[in-house]
Amino acid sequence: MNFNEVVSIGDTYLLPLISELYGLEGYEIQLIPPHDGGRNVVYTCEKEGANAKILRIAFLPDRSREDFLGEVEYVRYLFEHGGSVSNVISSRKKKLLEEITYNNHTFFICLFEKATGKMLVENHYRYRDGAPITEYFYNCGKVLGKLHHISKGYTPVHRRHHFFDKFNAEYIDKLIPESLPQLKEKLVELLNTLQGLDRNQETFGMIHFDYNDGNYSIDFDTGQINVYDFDNSCFGWYMFDLASVWGNGVGWIQFEPDAGKRKKFMDDYFETVLAGYRSETTIEDSMLDQLSLFIQVGVMENIVDAFEVMQNNGEELECDEGLSYLIRCMEDDIPYEGFFHDIYSCEEPFEYEERKL
């Protein structure tokens, strides 16, 4: 079943049932255009005098009921403990997750409060008037630090998957084409390194696993960040989310031709992020020393995601310039996503000659 088929079934069958389940009568329900790699059908629900809501219909068979319950229970826990997240809304039956079956296909339904504010891209990547951009960097770290602090006390009823449930040698071997043997080898080496890392309560727990400016909104009156889309959340190292924030920073300086200036900016940027993070929770220096390792884990995740999207969409496997760049970084052990390396070009950021598969 594909996106367009779900939209068609939604219009004729699902949306009337969902409106009844969640009391959405009188709301204007509009489809949000899908993005590359998106796994759900998502709608905005708006009504004058009421808070806007986000409706999500999951239709792919890649996640179980247990996994969905694990996600929404975690989001509710974060919200109830002061995390700046879009709360999940219970149905009239007091359920966080609803299921609707149509022609022997099960759809998983969730409804969320719409985050206040706007995404950075909607504001043309301009931060709020009169405030320094460092406030935003600090808040990125602070909000994430609070979520991690809450996670350290979280004991799930329904467990989300574990990092190694997905990222393991068997899956890598099955997913990555045989024409990329060196890539397979490097990915397995990286996984073996991760297996040796500490996994105590202070370093390892439920994480967002996709913390970036496409998954939070900013209140441009106050600077407050509101996080959503916990679709990829799993048990992993807190350092992974922090490495993602490091990666978010490159966009502010990616067109600077001087690698030294890029390095100086990134060091200052991440120092500000860490100050915000440490205002809410602790992180050991021994884990911060692994920053470059976890940036490489992010490269791996992006490579895996690219091949998964092609596979899920039934597309012929190919390496565009972006994927070729990531593969080169992985195969040649180039740290920091190549951002300070000769491979990087400020004219064509994060691109490399297309690889033939």
Protein backbone atom coordinates (compact mmCIF):
# COMPACT_ATOMS: atom_id res chain seq x y z
CA MET A 1 0.00 0.00 0.00
CA ASN A 2 1.36 3.43 -0.93
CA PHE A 3 0.82 7.03 0.19
CA ASN A 4 -1.76 7.92 -2.47
CA GLU A 5 -3.81 4.79 -1.78
CA VAL A 6 -3.94 5.67 1.93
CA VAL A 7 -5.04 9.24 1.13
CA SER A 8 -7.85 7.86 -1.04
CA ILE A 9 -8.96 5.40 1.69
CA GLY A 10 -8.64 8.21 4.23
CA ASP A 11 -10.98 10.49 2.33
CA THR A 12 -13.69 7.87 1.90
CA TYR A 13 -13.37 5.71 5.01
CA LEU A 14 -10.75 6.61 7.63
CA LEU A 15 -11.27 10.33 8.28
CA PRO A 16 -15.00 10.08 9.19
CA LEU A 17 -14.18 7.32 11.68
CA ILE A 18 -11.21 9.25 13.10
CA SER A 19 -13.31 12.40 13.49
CA GLU A 20 -15.74 10.40 15.60
CA LEU A 21 -12.97 8.71 17.63
CA TYR A 22 -11.31 12.02 18.54
CA GLY A 23 -14.17 14.48 18.49
CA LEU A 24 -12.92 16.33 15.40
CA GLU A 25 -16.35 17.27 14.12
CA GLY A 26 -16.23 20.82 12.75
CA TYR A 27 -12.46 20.78 12.24
CA GLU A 28 -10.98 21.55 8.83
CA ILE A 29 -8.71 18.57 8.12
CA GLN A 30 -6.05 19.21 5.48
CA LEU A 31 -3.36 16.90 4.10
CA ILE A 32 0.27 17.95 4.67
CA PRO A 33 2.33 17.24 1.51
CA PRO A 34 4.72 14.32 2.11
CA HIS A 35 8.51 14.72 2.32
CA ASP A 36 11.15 12.33 1.01
CA GLY A 37 11.47 9.35 3.29
CA GLY A 38 8.21 10.13 5.12
CA ARG A 39 6.46 7.02 6.39
CA ASN A 40 3.07 8.42 7.39
CA VAL A 41 0.07 10.32 6.06
CA VAL A 42 -0.25 13.51 8.12
CA TYR A 43 -3.01 16.12 8.36
CA THR A 44 -3.53 19.44 10.13
CA CYS A 45 -6.82 19.77 12.02
CA GLU A 46 -7.96 23.35 12.62
CA LYS A 47 -11.08 24.92 14.07
CA GLU A 48 -11.76 28.46 15.20
CA GLY A 49 -11.52 28.80 18.97
CA ALA A 50 -9.66 25.49 19.43
CA ASN A 51 -6.01 24.49 19.47
CA ALA A 52 -4.75 23.12 16.17
CA LYS A 53 -3.89 19.43 16.05
CA ILE A 54 -1.79 17.08 13.94
CA LEU A 55 -3.28 13.76 12.82
CA ARG A 56 -0.93 10.93 11.84
CA ILE A 57 -1.94 7.76 10.00
CA ALA A 58 0.80 5.11 9.86
CA PHE A 59 0.35 2.49 7.18
CA LEU A 60 3.70 0.79 6.52
CA PRO A 61 4.23 -2.66 8.07
CA ASP A 62 7.68 -1.76 9.47
CA ARG A 63 6.48 -1.00 13.01
CA SER A 64 4.46 -3.01 15.49
CA ARG A 65 1.64 -1.99 17.79
CA GLU A 66 4.11 -2.31 20.68
CA ASP A 67 6.49 0.13 18.97
CA PHE A 68 3.75 2.72 18.42
CA LEU A 69 2.57 2.40 22.02
CA GLY A 70 6.17 2.80 23.16
CA GLU A 71 6.43 6.05 21.19
CA VAL A 72 3.20 7.70 22.37
CA GLU A 73 3.70 6.62 26.00
CA TYR A 74 7.19 8.16 25.90
CA VAL A 75 5.86 11.42 24.43
CA ARG A 76 3.14 11.60 27.10
CA TYR A 77 5.75 10.90 29.83
CA LEU A 78 8.02 13.68 28.52
CA PHE A 79 5.09 16.13 28.42
CA GLU A 80 3.89 15.25 31.92
CA HIS A 81 7.40 15.73 33.30
CA GLY A 82 7.95 19.17 31.81
CA GLY A 83 9.49 18.30 28.44
CA SER A 84 8.87 20.85 25.69
CA VAL A 85 7.08 18.44 23.36
CA SER A 86 3.79 18.32 21.46
CA ASN A 87 1.55 16.21 23.67
CA VAL A 88 -0.26 13.15 22.32
CA ILE A 89 -4.07 13.46 22.61
CA SER A 90 -6.19 10.59 23.92
CA SER A 91 -9.18 9.44 21.90
CA ARG A 92 -12.72 9.49 23.30
CA LYS A 93 -12.01 5.91 24.36
CA LYS A 94 -9.05 7.26 26.42
CA LYS A 95 -6.51 5.56 24.16
CA LEU A 96 -3.20 7.11 23.05
CA LEU A 97 -3.19 4.86 19.98
CA GLU A 98 -6.16 3.82 17.85
CA GLU A 99 -6.23 1.09 15.22
CA ILE A 100 -8.55 0.89 12.22
CA THR A 101 -8.62 -2.13 9.94
CA TYR A 102 -9.72 -1.80 6.33
CA ASN A 103 -9.53 -4.69 3.83
CA ASN A 104 -7.30 -6.66 6.25
CA HIS A 105 -4.84 -3.75 6.49
CA THR A 106 -4.31 -2.13 9.90
CA PHE A 107 -3.80 1.63 10.17
CA PHE A 108 -2.34 3.09 13.39
CA ILE A 109 -3.81 6.46 14.33
CA CYS A 110 -2.33 9.12 16.63
CA LEU A 111 -3.39 12.71 17.30
CA PHE A 112 -1.00 15.36 18.66
CA GLU A 113 -1.24 18.97 19.76
CA LYS A 114 0.23 21.19 17.03
CA ALA A 115 3.44 22.79 18.29
CA THR A 116 3.29 26.53 18.88
CA GLY A 117 5.49 28.70 16.71
CA LYS A 118 7.02 28.03 13.31
CA MET A 119 9.86 26.03 11.87
CA LEU A 120 13.04 27.92 11.01
CA VAL A 121 12.54 27.19 7.31
CA GLU A 122 9.09 28.83 7.49
CA ASN A 123 10.85 31.93 8.81
CA HIS A 124 13.44 31.76 5.99
CA TYR A 125 16.12 30.73 8.51
CA ARG A 126 15.95 34.08 10.26
CA TYR A 127 15.92 33.96 14.04
CA ARG A 128 13.67 36.17 16.12
CA ASP A 129 14.18 39.94 15.94
CA GLY A 130 16.37 41.51 18.60
CA ALA A 131 17.83 38.21 19.88
CA PRO A 132 21.30 36.84 19.09
CA ILE A 133 21.51 33.55 17.20
CA THR A 134 23.47 32.18 20.16
CA GLU A 135 20.20 32.21 22.13
CA TYR A 136 18.82 29.71 19.62
CA PHE A 137 21.94 27.52 19.85
CA TYR A 138 21.74 27.56 23.67
CA ASN A 139 18.02 26.71 23.62
CA CYS A 140 18.62 23.79 21.22
CA GLY A 141 20.94 22.29 23.82
CA LYS A 142 18.76 23.23 26.79
CA VAL A 143 15.56 21.65 25.44
CA LEU A 144 17.43 18.47 24.45
CA GLY A 145 19.15 18.35 27.85
CA LYS A 146 15.76 18.51 29.58
CA LEU A 147 14.40 15.65 27.43
CA HIS A 148 17.45 13.52 28.23
CA HIS A 149 17.20 14.37 31.93
CA ILE A 150 13.57 13.18 31.93
CA SER A 151 14.53 10.04 29.98
CA LYS A 152 17.00 9.06 32.69
CA GLY A 153 14.02 8.43 34.98
CA TYR A 154 11.82 6.75 32.39
CA THR A 155 10.77 3.11 32.74
CA PRO A 156 8.60 2.08 29.78
CA VAL A 157 5.44 -0.01 29.94
CA HIS A 158 5.72 -0.74 26.22
CA ARG A 159 9.33 -0.74 25.06
CA ARG A 160 10.55 0.99 21.94
CA HIS A 161 13.19 -0.77 19.89
CA HIS A 162 16.88 -0.72 20.77
CA PHE A 163 19.57 0.83 18.52
CA PHE A 164 21.08 -2.59 17.76
CA ASP A 165 17.68 -4.07 16.86
CA LYS A 166 17.97 -2.12 13.62
CA PHE A 167 21.67 -1.39 13.24
CA ASN A 168 23.38 -4.76 13.16
CA ALA A 169 25.68 -6.68 10.81
CA GLU A 170 22.91 -8.92 9.47
CA TYR A 171 20.68 -6.00 8.47
CA ILE A 172 23.59 -4.04 6.97
CA ASP A 173 24.58 -7.05 4.87
CA LYS A 174 21.02 -7.46 3.60
CA LEU A 175 20.42 -3.76 2.88
CA ILE A 176 23.71 -2.54 1.38
CA PRO A 177 24.37 -3.79 -2.18
CA GLU A 178 27.16 -6.29 -2.83
CA SER A 179 28.89 -3.72 -5.07
CA LEU A 180 29.87 -1.77 -1.91
CA PRO A 181 31.96 -4.32 0.06
CA GLN A 182 34.23 -1.71 1.68
CA LEU A 183 31.21 0.24 2.92
CA LYS A 184 29.73 -2.90 4.48
CA GLU A 185 33.04 -3.62 6.19
CA LYS A 186 33.35 -0.08 7.60
CA LEU A 187 29.76 -0.07 8.87
CA VAL A 188 30.27 -3.36 10.71
CA GLU A 189 33.55 -2.02 12.19
CA LEU A 190 31.65 1.00 13.47
CA LEU A 191 28.94 -1.20 15.00
CA ASN A 192 31.61 -3.31 16.73
CA THR A 193 33.11 -0.15 18.24
CA LEU A 194 29.70 0.90 19.52
CA GLN A 195 29.15 -2.51 21.10
CA GLY A 196 32.10 -1.75 23.39
CA LEU A 197 30.69 1.55 24.68
CA ASP A 198 29.19 2.02 28.13
CA ARG A 199 25.41 1.76 28.38
CA ASN A 200 24.59 2.96 31.88
CA GLN A 201 21.64 5.11 32.96
CA GLU A 202 23.61 8.34 32.49
CA THR A 203 24.75 7.58 28.93
CA PHE A 204 22.05 5.41 27.36
CA GLY A 205 18.25 5.65 27.30
CA MET A 206 15.30 6.78 25.19
CA ILE A 207 16.40 9.38 22.64
CA HIS A 208 14.66 11.32 19.87
CA PHE A 209 17.03 9.99 17.16
CA ASP A 210 16.00 12.71 14.69
CA TYR A 211 16.49 15.97 16.60
CA ASN A 212 16.76 18.70 13.96
CA ASP A 213 15.06 21.92 12.92
CA GLY A 214 12.58 20.00 10.76
CA ASN A 215 11.20 18.33 13.90
CA TYR A 216 10.64 21.29 16.18
CA SER A 217 8.96 24.68 16.03
CA ILE A 218 10.18 27.92 17.59
CA ASP A 219 7.99 30.45 19.34
CA PHE A 220 9.46 33.59 17.79
CA ASP A 221 8.10 35.74 20.66
CA THR A 222 9.96 33.84 23.39
CA GLY A 223 12.52 31.62 21.64
CA GLN A 224 10.98 28.49 23.17
CA ILE A 225 11.50 25.29 21.14
CA ASN A 226 8.68 22.73 20.89
CA VAL A 227 9.75 19.24 19.79
CA TYR A 228 7.70 16.68 17.87
CA ASP A 229 8.00 13.70 15.51
CA PHE A 230 9.30 10.96 17.80
CA ASP A 231 8.73 8.48 14.98
CA ASN A 232 12.37 7.31 15.12
CA SER A 233 12.79 7.41 18.90
CA CYS A 234 14.61 4.41 20.33
CA PHE A 235 16.94 3.29 23.10
CA GLY A 236 20.36 4.65 22.28
CA TRP A 237 23.19 6.86 23.47
CA TYR A 238 22.32 10.42 24.47
CA MET A 239 25.47 11.41 22.60
CA PHE A 240 23.77 10.49 19.30
CA ASP A 241 21.21 13.30 19.72
CA LEU A 242 23.99 15.72 20.67
CA ALA A 243 25.97 14.74 17.57
CA SER A 244 22.81 15.45 15.55
CA VAL A 245 22.75 18.96 17.00
CA TRP A 246 26.38 19.38 15.95
CA GLY A 247 25.32 18.36 12.42
CA ASN A 248 22.47 20.90 12.48
CA GLY A 249 25.05 23.66 12.96
CA VAL A 250 26.92 23.19 9.69
CA GLY A 251 24.17 24.92 7.70
CA TRP A 252 25.05 28.26 9.28
CA ILE A 253 28.62 28.21 7.92
CA GLN A 254 28.58 25.71 5.03
CA PHE A 255 29.38 28.30 2.33
CA GLU A 256 32.52 29.57 4.10
CA PRO A 257 35.55 28.58 1.94
CA ASP A 258 38.07 28.66 4.82
CA ALA A 259 38.11 25.32 6.69
CA GLY A 260 39.76 26.99 9.70
CA LYS A 261 36.90 29.47 10.00
CA ARG A 262 34.36 26.67 9.64
CA LYS A 263 36.14 24.79 12.46
CA LYS A 264 36.20 27.87 14.72
CA PHE A 265 32.50 28.51 14.15
CA MET A 266 31.57 24.88 14.87
CA ASP A 267 33.65 24.80 18.07
CA ASP A 268 31.99 27.98 19.35
CA TYR A 269 28.54 26.83 18.23
CA PHE A 270 28.82 23.47 19.97
CA GLU A 271 30.22 25.06 23.13
CA THR A 272 27.06 27.19 23.31
CA VAL A 273 24.84 24.15 22.67
CA LEU A 274 26.63 22.26 25.46
CA ALA A 275 26.18 25.16 27.89
CA GLY A 276 22.42 24.93 27.30
CA TYR A 277 22.46 21.15 27.55
CA ARG A 278 24.41 21.16 30.83
CA SER A 279 21.97 23.66 32.35
CA GLU A 280 19.47 20.75 32.41
CA THR A 281 21.48 17.53 32.75
CA THR A 282 24.99 16.15 33.12
CA ILE A 283 27.19 14.53 30.51
CA GLU A 284 30.57 13.01 31.14
CA ASP A 285 33.66 14.25 29.31
CA SER A 286 34.39 10.64 28.34
CA MET A 287 31.19 10.66 26.25
CA LEU A 288 31.87 14.10 24.77
CA ASP A 289 35.24 12.73 23.65
CA GLN A 290 33.22 10.40 21.39
CA LEU A 291 31.63 13.26 19.43
CA SER A 292 33.40 12.42 16.16
CA LEU A 293 32.42 8.76 16.57
CA PHE A 294 28.74 9.67 16.93
CA ILE A 295 28.88 12.07 14.00
CA GLN A 296 30.07 9.03 12.03
CA VAL A 297 27.11 7.06 13.44
CA GLY A 298 24.90 9.83 12.02
CA VAL A 299 26.58 9.33 8.64
CA MET A 300 25.80 5.61 8.90
CA GLU A 301 22.18 6.34 9.79
CA ASN A 302 21.82 8.62 6.76
CA ILE A 303 23.33 6.00 4.45
CA VAL A 304 21.01 3.30 5.82
CA ASP A 305 18.01 5.63 5.53
CA ALA A 306 18.82 6.44 1.88
CA PHE A 307 18.93 2.76 0.90
CA GLU A 308 15.77 2.03 2.93
CA VAL A 309 13.82 4.79 1.18
CA MET A 310 14.86 3.50 -2.25
CA GLN A 311 13.91 -0.02 -1.22
CA ASN A 312 10.55 0.97 0.31
CA ASN A 313 9.66 3.00 -2.79
CA GLY A 314 10.62 0.15 -5.10
CA GLU A 315 13.22 2.34 -6.81
CA GLU A 316 16.33 1.16 -8.59
CA LEU A 317 19.32 1.55 -6.26
CA GLU A 318 21.57 4.47 -7.15
CA CYS A 319 24.11 6.76 -5.48
CA ASP A 320 23.47 10.44 -6.07
CA GLU A 321 26.08 13.08 -5.16
CA GLY A 322 24.87 13.35 -1.56
CA LEU A 323 24.88 9.62 -0.84
CA SER A 324 28.22 9.21 -2.65
CA TYR A 325 29.70 11.87 -0.35
CA LEU A 326 28.53 10.04 2.79
CA ILE A 327 29.84 6.71 1.51
CA ARG A 328 33.24 8.24 0.79
CA CYS A 329 33.39 9.69 4.33
CA MET A 330 32.60 6.26 5.76
CA GLU A 331 34.94 4.24 3.54
CA ASP A 332 37.90 6.58 4.05
CA ASP A 333 37.32 7.24 7.78
CA ILE A 334 36.93 10.98 7.16
CA PRO A 335 35.76 12.52 10.47
CA TYR A 336 33.20 15.26 11.13
CA GLU A 337 31.27 14.44 7.95
CA GLY A 338 34.24 15.75 5.96
CA PHE A 339 33.40 19.33 6.96
CA PHE A 340 37.04 20.26 7.62
CA HIS A 341 38.55 17.92 4.99
CA ASP A 342 39.70 18.46 1.38
CA ILE A 343 36.70 16.40 0.19
CA TYR A 344 34.40 19.27 1.18
CA SER A 345 33.44 22.00 -1.31
CA CYS A 346 31.65 25.16 -0.20
CA GLU A 347 30.35 25.53 -3.79
CA GLU A 348 28.71 22.09 -3.66
CA PRO A 349 28.34 21.29 0.04
CA PHE A 350 28.29 17.61 1.00
CA GLU A 351 28.40 16.36 -2.58
CA TYR A 352 30.80 14.04 -4.34
CA GLU A 353 31.04 12.43 -7.75
CA GLU A 354 28.19 9.97 -8.31
CA ARG A 355 29.07 6.37 -7.55
CA LYS A 356 28.06 3.60 -9.93
CA LEU A 357 26.46 0.63 -8.22
